[in-house]
C-alpha atoms as a PDB file:
ATOM      1  CA  MET A   1     -53.074 -71.893  23.757  1.00  0.00           C
ATOM      2  CA  SER A   2     -50.906 -72.814  26.651  1.00  0.00           C
ATOM      3  CA  LYS A   3     -49.931 -70.358  28.700  1.00  0.00           C
ATOM      4  CA  ARG A   4     -46.006 -70.445  30.039  1.00  0.00           C
ATOM      5  CA  PRO A   5     -46.064 -69.405  33.739  1.00  0.00           C
ATOM      6  CA  HIS A   6     -43.623 -66.077  34.421  1.00  0.00           C
ATOM      7  CA  VAL A   7     -40.856 -67.253  36.303  1.00  0.00           C
ATOM      8  CA  SER A   8     -38.597 -64.447  37.914  1.00  0.00           C
ATOM      9  CA  LYS A   9     -35.334 -64.273  38.285  1.00  0.00           C
ATOM     10  CA  PRO A  10     -33.555 -63.207  41.244  1.00  0.00           C
ATOM     11  CA  GLN A  11     -32.565 -59.761  40.949  1.00  0.00           C
ATOM     12  CA  SER A  12     -30.656 -59.122  44.351  1.00  0.00           C
ATOM     13  CA  ALA A  13     -27.214 -60.389  43.165  1.00  0.00           C
ATOM     14  CA  PRO A  14     -27.003 -59.520  39.072  1.00  0.00           C
ATOM     15  CA  SER A  15     -28.805 -56.424  39.844  1.00  0.00           C
ATOM     16  CA  SER A  16     -26.344 -54.435  42.375  1.00  0.00           C
ATOM     17  CA  SER A  17     -23.871 -55.653  40.124  1.00  0.00           C
ATOM     18  CA  LYS A  18     -25.254 -54.016  37.083  1.00  0.00           C
ATOM     19  CA  LYS A  19     -25.256 -50.861  38.646  1.00  0.00           C
ATOM     20  CA  GLU A  20     -22.332 -50.648  39.833  1.00  0.00           C
ATOM     21  CA  ARG A  21     -20.746 -51.037  36.721  1.00  0.00           C
ATOM     22  CA  THR A  22     -23.468 -48.800  34.995  1.00  0.00           C
ATOM     23  CA  HIS A  23     -22.326 -46.111  37.855  1.00  0.00           C
ATOM     24  CA  THR A  24     -18.636 -46.655  37.716  1.00  0.00           C
ATOM     25  CA  LYS A  25     -18.968 -46.406  34.007  1.00  0.00           C
ATOM     26  CA  GLY A  26     -20.990 -43.347  34.271  1.00  0.00           C
ATOM     27  CA  ALA A  27     -18.242 -42.103  36.636  1.00  0.00           C
ATOM     28  CA  ASN A  28     -15.634 -42.552  33.943  1.00  0.00           C
ATOM     29  CA  THR A  29     -17.131 -41.262  31.092  1.00  0.00           C
ATOM     30  CA  GLY A  30     -18.405 -37.859  32.397  1.00  0.00           C
ATOM     31  CA  PRO A  31     -15.214 -36.404  32.535  1.00  0.00           C
ATOM     32  CA  ILE A  32     -14.392 -37.721  28.956  1.00  0.00           C
ATOM     33  CA  ALA A  33     -17.479 -36.436  27.348  1.00  0.00           C
ATOM     34  CA  PHE A  34     -17.344 -32.842  29.240  1.00  0.00           C
ATOM     35  CA  PHE A  35     -13.335 -32.920  27.296  1.00  0.00           C
ATOM     36  CA  ILE A  36     -15.263 -34.040  24.187  1.00  0.00           C
ATOM     37  CA  ALA A  37     -18.268 -31.697  24.192  1.00  0.00           C
ATOM     38  CA  LEU A  38     -15.148 -28.325  24.979  1.00  0.00           C
ATOM     39  CA  PHE A  39     -13.754 -30.121  21.659  1.00  0.00           C
ATOM     40  CA  VAL A  40     -16.375 -29.550  20.223  1.00  0.00           C
ATOM     41  CA  ILE A  41     -18.067 -26.290  20.897  1.00  0.00           C
ATOM     42  CA  ALA A  42     -13.958 -25.085  20.242  1.00  0.00           C
ATOM     43  CA  VAL A  43     -13.888 -26.290  17.039  1.00  0.00           C
ATOM     44  CA  GLY A  44     -17.425 -24.962  16.375  1.00  0.00           C
ATOM     45  CA  SER A  45     -16.232 -21.549  17.813  1.00  0.00           C
ATOM     46  CA  ILE A  46     -13.233 -21.359  15.395  1.00  0.00           C
ATOM     47  CA  GLN A  47     -15.650 -22.757  12.706  1.00  0.00           C
ATOM     48  CA  ILE A  48     -18.564 -19.356  13.401  1.00  0.00           C
ATOM     49  CA  ILE A  49     -15.616 -16.810  14.038  1.00  0.00           C
ATOM     50  CA  SER A  50     -13.275 -17.548  10.752  1.00  0.00           C
ATOM     51  CA  ALA A  51     -17.091 -17.780   9.063  1.00  0.00           C
ATOM     52  CA  PHE A  52     -17.818 -13.957  10.246  1.00  0.00           C
ATOM     53  CA  HIS A  53     -14.252 -13.209   9.998  1.00  0.00           C
ATOM     54  CA  THR A  54     -14.901 -13.842   5.791  1.00  0.00           C
ATOM     55  CA  TYR A  55     -17.776 -12.587   5.774  1.00  0.00           C
ATOM     56  CA  ALA A  56     -16.701  -9.247   7.391  1.00  0.00           C
ATOM     57  CA  ILE A  57     -13.363  -9.491   4.733  1.00  0.00           C
ATOM     58  CA  ASN A  58     -15.254  -9.730   1.833  1.00  0.00           C
ATOM     59  CA  LEU A  59     -18.095  -6.934   2.807  1.00  0.00           C
ATOM     60  CA  SER A  60     -15.147  -4.394   2.980  1.00  0.00           C
ATOM     61  CA  GLU A  61     -14.270  -5.508  -0.395  1.00  0.00           C
ATOM     62  CA  LEU A  62     -17.690  -5.316  -2.119  1.00  0.00           C
ATOM     63  CA  ASN A  63     -18.238  -1.894  -0.263  1.00  0.00           C
ATOM     64  CA  SER A  64     -14.692  -1.196  -1.510  1.00  0.00           C
ATOM     65  CA  LEU A  65     -15.385  -2.484  -4.800  1.00  0.00           C
ATOM     66  CA  LYS A  66     -18.558  -0.210  -4.869  1.00  0.00           C
ATOM     67  CA  LYS A  67     -16.731   3.257  -3.783  1.00  0.00           C
ATOM     68  CA  GLN A  68     -14.583   2.623  -7.225  1.00  0.00           C
ATOM     69  CA  GLU A  69     -17.757   1.532  -9.460  1.00  0.00           C
ATOM     70  CA  ALA A  70     -19.144   4.996  -8.433  1.00  0.00           C
ATOM     71  CA  VAL A  71     -15.397   6.632  -8.847  1.00  0.00           C
ATOM     72  CA  LEU A  72     -15.348   4.774 -12.317  1.00  0.00           C
ATOM     73  CA  ALA A  73     -19.005   5.744 -13.186  1.00  0.00           C
ATOM     74  CA  ALA A  74     -18.232   9.686 -12.811  1.00  0.00           C
ATOM     75  CA  GLN A  75     -15.197   9.391 -14.629  1.00  0.00           C
ATOM     76  CA  LYS A  76     -16.848   7.685 -17.571  1.00  0.00           C
ATOM     77  CA  LYS A  77     -19.304  10.597 -17.600  1.00  0.00           C
ATOM     78  CA  ASP A  78     -16.737  13.150 -17.484  1.00  0.00           C
ATOM     79  CA  LEU A  79     -14.628  11.471 -20.514  1.00  0.00           C
ATOM     80  CA  GLU A  80     -18.307  11.345 -22.281  1.00  0.00           C
ATOM     81  CA  ASN A  81     -18.943  15.152 -21.849  1.00  0.00           C
ATOM     82  CA  ASP A  82     -15.949  15.501 -23.199  1.00  0.00           C
ATOM     83  CA  ILE A  83     -16.590  13.527 -26.356  1.00  0.00           C
ATOM     84  CA  ALA A  84     -20.070  15.211 -26.770  1.00  0.00           C
ATOM     85  CA  ARG A  85     -18.205  18.539 -26.129  1.00  0.00           C
ATOM     86  CA  TRP A  86     -15.727  17.648 -28.663  1.00  0.00           C
ATOM     87  CA  ASP A  87     -18.091  17.202 -30.816  1.00  0.00           C
ATOM     88  CA  ASP A  88     -19.224  20.380 -31.078  1.00  0.00           C
ATOM     89  CA  PRO A  89     -17.417  23.106 -33.560  1.00  0.00           C
ATOM     90  CA  ALA A  90     -18.172  25.992 -31.419  1.00  0.00           C
ATOM     91  CA  TYR A  91     -15.952  24.072 -28.081  1.00  0.00           C
ATOM     92  CA  VAL A  92     -13.738  22.804 -30.755  1.00  0.00           C
ATOM     93  CA  THR A  93     -13.007  26.414 -32.437  1.00  0.00           C
ATOM     94  CA  ALA A  94     -12.470  28.164 -28.922  1.00  0.00           C
ATOM     95  CA  GLN A  95      -9.991  25.284 -28.299  1.00  0.00           C
ATOM     96  CA  ALA A  96      -7.984  26.289 -31.476  1.00  0.00           C
ATOM     97  CA  ARG A  97      -8.301  30.009 -30.457  1.00  0.00           C
ATOM     98  CA  GLU A  98      -7.212  29.584 -26.640  1.00  0.00           C
ATOM     99  CA  ARG A  99      -4.768  26.456 -26.845  1.00  0.00           C
ATOM    100  CA  LEU A 100      -3.482  26.932 -30.220  1.00  0.00           C
ATOM    101  CA  GLY A 101      -3.361  30.613 -31.150  1.00  0.00           C
ATOM    102  CA  TYR A 102      -5.739  30.265 -33.980  1.00  0.00           C
ATOM    103  CA  VAL A 103      -7.369  33.020 -36.108  1.00  0.00           C
ATOM    104  CA  PHE A 104      -9.490  32.897 -38.757  1.00  0.00           C
ATOM    105  CA  PRO A 105      -8.435  34.639 -41.787  1.00  0.00           C
ATOM    106  CA  GLY A 106      -8.223  38.401 -41.984  1.00  0.00           C
ATOM    107  CA  GLU A 107      -7.814  38.356 -38.011  1.00  0.00           C
ATOM    108  CA  GLN A 108      -5.402  39.534 -35.810  1.00  0.00           C
ATOM    109  CA  ALA A 109      -3.645  37.467 -33.060  1.00  0.00           C
ATOM    110  CA  ILE A 110      -2.244  39.744 -30.548  1.00  0.00           C
ATOM    111  CA  LYS A 111      -0.171  37.955 -27.563  1.00  0.00           C
ATOM    112  CA  VAL A 112       0.075  40.161 -24.271  1.00  0.00           C
ATOM    113  CA  GLU A 113       3.965  40.167 -23.318  1.00  0.00           C
ATOM    114  CA  HIS A 114       2.906  41.223 -19.536  1.00  0.00           C
ATOM    115  CA  PRO A 115      -0.524  40.000 -19.183  1.00  0.00           C
ATOM    116  CA  GLU A 116       0.292  41.331 -15.357  1.00  0.00           C
ATOM    117  CA  ALA A 117       0.268  44.809 -16.340  1.00  0.00           C
ATOM    118  CA  VAL A 118      -3.134  44.325 -18.254  1.00  0.00           C
ATOM    119  CA  SER A 119      -5.007  42.079 -15.388  1.00  0.00           C
ATOM    120  CA  GLY A 120      -3.074  42.840 -12.032  1.00  0.00           C
ATOM    121  CA  GLU A 121      -2.463  39.424 -11.259  1.00  0.00           C
ATOM    122  CA  GLN A 122       0.734  37.683 -10.964  1.00  0.00           C
ATOM    123  CA  PRO A 123       0.611  34.968 -13.727  1.00  0.00           C
ATOM    124  CA  LYS A 124       0.904  31.506 -12.340  1.00  0.00           C
ATOM    125  CA  SER A 125       4.396  30.044 -14.173  1.00  0.00           C
ATOM    126  CA  ASP A 126       7.283  27.472 -12.936  1.00  0.00           C
ATOM    127  CA  ALA A 127       9.049  30.447 -11.316  1.00  0.00           C
ATOM    128  CA  ASN A 128       6.745  31.209  -8.745  1.00  0.00           C
ATOM    129  CA  ALA A 129       6.040  27.415  -8.310  1.00  0.00           C
ATOM    130  CA  ASN A 130       9.587  26.667  -7.649  1.00  0.00           C
ATOM    131  CA  THR A 131      10.100  29.688  -5.309  1.00  0.00           C
ATOM    132  CA  GLU A 132       6.393  28.551  -3.188  1.00  0.00           C
ATOM    133  CA  THR A 133       7.938  24.945  -2.964  1.00  0.00           C
ATOM    134  CA  GLY A 134      11.653  26.312  -2.050  1.00  0.00           C
ATOM    135  CA  GLN A 135      13.449  25.346  -4.791  1.00  0.00           C
ATOM    136  CA  SER A 136      15.804  27.494  -6.567  1.00  0.00           C
ATOM    137  CA  ASN A 137      15.015  29.282  -9.534  1.00  0.00           C
ATOM    138  CA  LEU A 138      18.881  29.065 -11.299  1.00  0.00           C
ATOM    139  CA  PRO A 139      19.415  28.169 -14.872  1.00  0.00           C
ATOM    140  CA  TRP A 140      20.069  24.384 -15.652  1.00  0.00           C
ATOM    141  CA  TYR A 141      23.580  24.825 -15.915  1.00  0.00           C
ATOM    142  CA  SER A 142      23.674  27.114 -12.615  1.00  0.00           C
ATOM    143  CA  GLU A 143      21.975  24.353 -11.064  1.00  0.00           C
ATOM    144  CA  LEU A 144      24.755  21.732 -12.197  1.00  0.00           C
ATOM    145  CA  ALA A 145      27.852  23.484 -11.188  1.00  0.00           C
ATOM    146  CA  TYR A 146      26.450  23.764  -7.898  1.00  0.00           C
ATOM    147  CA  SER A 147      25.626  20.274  -7.879  1.00  0.00           C
ATOM    148  CA  PHE A 148      29.247  19.149  -8.767  1.00  0.00           C
ATOM    149  CA  LYS A 149      30.435  21.973  -6.155  1.00  0.00           C
ATOM    150  CA  GLU A 150      28.629  20.157  -3.688  1.00  0.00           C
ATOM    151  CA  SER A 151      29.341  16.745  -4.714  1.00  0.00           C
ATOM    152  CA  ASP A 152      32.829  17.926  -4.310  1.00  0.00           C
ATOM    153  CA  ALA A 153      32.714  19.526  -0.934  1.00  0.00           C
ATOM    154  CA  ARG A 154      31.353  16.467   0.605  1.00  0.00           C
ATOM    155  CA  LYS A 155      33.804  13.904   1.942  1.00  0.00           C
ATOM    156  CA  PRO A 156      34.354  10.521   0.714  1.00  0.00           C
ATOM    157  CA  ASP A 157      32.484   7.917   2.347  1.00  0.00           C
ATOM    158  CA  ALA A 158      34.225   4.857   2.785  1.00  0.00           C
ATOM    159  CA  THR A 159      31.289   2.383   1.384  1.00  0.00           C
ATOM    160  CA  ASN A 160      30.056   4.338  -1.378  1.00  0.00           C
ATOM    161  CA  ASN A 161      33.249   4.423  -3.722  1.00  0.00           C
ATOM    162  CA  GLY A 162      34.548   1.632  -2.786  1.00  0.00           C
ATOM    163  CA  ASN A 163      37.546   2.913  -0.231  1.00  0.00           C
ATOM    164  CA  THR A 164      38.274  -0.068   2.315  1.00  0.00           C
ATOM    165  CA  ALA A 165      41.081  -0.699   4.282  1.00  0.00           C
ATOM    166  CA  GLU A 166      42.376  -3.812   1.786  1.00  0.00           C
ATOM    167  CA  SER A 167      42.041  -1.357  -1.610  1.00  0.00           C
ATOM    168  CA  ARG A 168      43.542   1.288   0.793  1.00  0.00           C
ATOM    169  CA  GLN A 169      46.466  -0.769   1.040  1.00  0.00           C
ATOM    170  CA  GLN A 170      47.310  -1.833  -2.072  1.00  0.00           C
ATOM    171  CA  ASN A 171      47.044   1.662  -3.253  1.00  0.00           C
ATOM    172  CA  ASP A 172      49.478   3.163  -0.392  1.00  0.00           C
ATOM    173  CA  PRO A 173      51.586   0.537   1.414  1.00  0.00           C
ATOM    174  CA  ASP A 174      52.236   2.894   4.439  1.00  0.00           C
ATOM    175  CA  ALA A 175      48.589   2.689   5.565  1.00  0.00           C
ATOM    176  CA  THR A 176      47.868   1.167   8.324  1.00  0.00           C
ATOM    177  CA  ALA A 177      45.703  -1.745   8.122  1.00  0.00           C
ATOM    178  CA  GLY A 178      42.042  -2.212  10.230  1.00  0.00           C
ATOM    179  CA  THR A 179      41.664   1.785  10.111  1.00  0.00           C
ATOM    180  CA  ASP A 180      37.981   2.417   8.409  1.00  0.00           C
ATOM    181  CA  ALA A 181      38.701   5.862   8.683  1.00  0.00           C
ATOM    182  CA  PRO A 182      37.668   7.894   5.661  1.00  0.00           C
ATOM    183  CA  GLN A 183      40.899   9.897   3.709  1.00  0.00           C
ATOM    184  CA  ASP A 184      40.827  13.698   4.124  1.00  0.00           C
ATOM    185  CA  GLY A 185      42.858  14.538   0.717  1.00  0.00           C
ATOM    186  CA  GLY A 186      41.817  13.139  -2.504  1.00  0.00           C
ATOM    187  CA  SER A 187      43.880  10.342  -3.808  1.00  0.00           C
ATOM    188  CA  ALA A 188      45.715   9.367  -7.149  1.00  0.00           C
ATOM    189  CA  GLY A 189      42.786   6.501  -8.091  1.00  0.00           C
ATOM    190  CA  GLN A 190      40.082   9.206  -7.053  1.00  0.00           C
END
């Protein structure tokens, strides 16, 4: 076994140039690395924010679907109760008497014409509902006549009935061009 002698190289010249190269290389890559790191952080932040946003949207949809499920379950229970009631013969008999006015053979049906005279309460009818909402209580033919009078009383609108400057010139050669004022009187074409 022979040992080689360790030969040391002069380090003064190459090491100083190596340090300068490393130092200059590090000084140039610092801002680039900083901006790359900022870009990576920004992209990561956007991804995290979009993930939380999607999570929040899905959570709100889930909550609304749970509420909707609860409402539908309550409706289903009500409908099942209605079906069970209609299976009861006593309920069917009571509904036939109340809604349709049926009576058993040998019974006599009595209908009270003015229930307010017996009970003292005003019946809730369509006439009372119309007066509460501010609508008129006229018969249909009176309302029709009233609507005809109202439509005749309104002045014709130039855009609604096609009464433009061109059509007025065709119908009335004395009409001046470029005026879009509605006519006060009715014309023969109307």
